[in-house]
Protein backbone atom coordinates (compact mmCIF):
# COMPACT_ATOMS: atom_id res chain seq x y z
CA MET A 1 17.10 -12.99 -11.01
CA SER A 2 13.34 -13.32 -11.01
CA ARG A 3 11.51 -12.65 -6.97
CA PHE A 4 10.94 -16.50 -6.24
CA ALA A 5 14.46 -17.32 -7.04
CA THR A 6 15.87 -14.76 -4.22
CA PHE A 7 13.70 -15.93 -1.91
CA ARG A 8 14.87 -19.40 -2.04
CA SER A 9 18.50 -18.26 -2.59
CA ALA A 10 17.52 -15.94 1.29
CA LEU A 11 16.53 -19.36 2.12
CA SER A 12 19.41 -21.32 1.25
CA GLN A 13 22.04 -18.69 3.32
CA LEU A 14 20.00 -18.97 6.42
CA HIS A 15 21.01 -21.48 9.65
CA PRO A 16 19.28 -23.19 11.41
CA ALA A 17 21.62 -22.46 14.32
CA GLN A 18 21.03 -18.43 14.34
CA SER A 19 19.06 -17.28 16.87
CA ALA A 20 16.25 -16.11 17.88
CA GLU A 21 17.31 -12.44 18.39
CA SER A 22 18.20 -12.70 14.49
CA VAL A 23 14.54 -12.44 13.46
CA GLY A 24 14.42 -8.56 13.74
CA ASN A 25 16.49 -7.88 11.12
CA GLY A 26 15.04 -11.38 8.71
CA HIS A 27 17.40 -13.39 9.36
CA GLY A 28 15.42 -15.77 11.47
CA MET A 29 12.61 -17.08 9.39
CA TYR A 30 14.09 -20.23 9.42
CA LEU A 31 13.92 -21.22 13.01
CA VAL A 32 10.29 -19.05 13.37
CA LEU A 33 8.48 -20.92 10.41
CA GLU A 34 7.41 -24.51 12.02
CA GLY A 35 5.27 -24.62 14.36
CA SER A 36 4.38 -20.71 15.01
CA LEU A 37 1.93 -18.85 14.21
CA CYS A 38 0.29 -17.15 10.87
CA LEU A 39 1.18 -13.69 12.33
CA GLN A 40 4.83 -14.47 13.48
CA ARG A 41 5.38 -16.52 10.05
CA SER A 42 4.41 -13.73 7.31
CA ALA A 43 5.98 -11.01 9.65
CA ALA A 44 9.29 -13.11 10.02
CA THR A 45 8.32 -13.69 5.63
CA ALA A 46 8.03 -10.10 4.85
CA CYS A 47 11.14 -8.60 7.01
CA LEU A 48 13.34 -11.76 4.58
CA LEU A 49 11.86 -11.48 0.99
CA LYS A 50 12.09 -7.17 1.97
CA ARG A 51 15.84 -7.58 3.19
CA PHE A 52 16.35 -9.06 -0.26
CA GLY A 53 14.39 -6.37 -2.28
CA VAL A 54 11.05 -8.80 -2.74
CA SER A 55 8.46 -6.29 -1.89
CA ALA A 56 6.83 -8.26 -0.04
CA GLN A 57 3.20 -6.66 1.59
CA LEU A 58 2.27 -8.88 5.09
CA VAL A 59 -1.20 -8.77 5.16
CA ILE A 60 -3.70 -9.32 7.93
CA GLY A 61 -7.92 -9.87 7.27
CA ALA A 62 -10.74 -11.36 8.76
CA GLN A 63 -14.08 -13.26 7.80
CA GLN A 64 -17.42 -12.70 10.40
CA MET A 65 -18.91 -16.54 10.24
CA PRO A 66 -17.37 -17.87 12.15
CA PHE A 67 -15.26 -14.84 12.68
CA LYS A 68 -11.41 -15.83 12.38
CA ALA A 69 -8.26 -13.21 11.51
CA HIS A 70 -5.18 -14.52 9.57
CA ALA A 71 -1.96 -13.15 8.17
CA TRP A 72 -0.12 -13.50 4.81
CA VAL A 73 2.44 -12.31 2.74
CA GLU A 74 1.70 -11.08 -1.08
CA VAL A 75 4.08 -10.36 -3.69
CA ASP A 76 2.65 -8.33 -6.48
CA GLY A 77 -0.68 -10.15 -5.45
CA VAL A 78 0.41 -12.99 -4.96
CA VAL A 79 -0.40 -15.50 -1.83
CA VAL A 80 3.28 -16.77 -1.23
CA ASN A 81 3.27 -18.69 2.12
CA ASP A 82 -0.43 -19.38 2.45
CA LYS A 83 -2.91 -21.23 0.30
CA PRO A 84 -3.06 -19.39 -2.91
CA TYR A 85 -7.20 -19.11 -2.42
CA THR A 86 -6.39 -17.32 1.35
CA SER A 87 -6.85 -13.84 0.11
CA GLU A 88 -10.27 -15.14 -1.36
CA ILE A 89 -11.41 -16.58 2.01
CA TYR A 90 -10.56 -13.44 4.15
CA THR A 91 -11.63 -9.52 3.81
CA VAL A 92 -8.82 -7.69 4.62
CA LEU A 93 -7.44 -5.12 6.81
CA ASP A 94 -4.65 -4.17 6.34
CA ARG A 95 -1.19 -4.06 4.44
CA CYS A 96 1.85 -2.95 5.06
């Protein structure tokens, strides 16, 4: 099964009635995604993917003018939860 098929499989197992407390163990992504900020959304996405064996990286970057900071998730260098060119706009500050 491909990594992205694994991701889709993981998403299909989530239920909207799950509690927000479950975010820490990778189950709360479904609740956190809508209306959340990039850091929360990306942290939840990375946790979920890692739980299902996908080598996801949470990436934090910034641009100087105008100053903006942003977070996104990459798998094998490919942005998976944002626009594909996100990594070209921001200078990477850290990966985890």
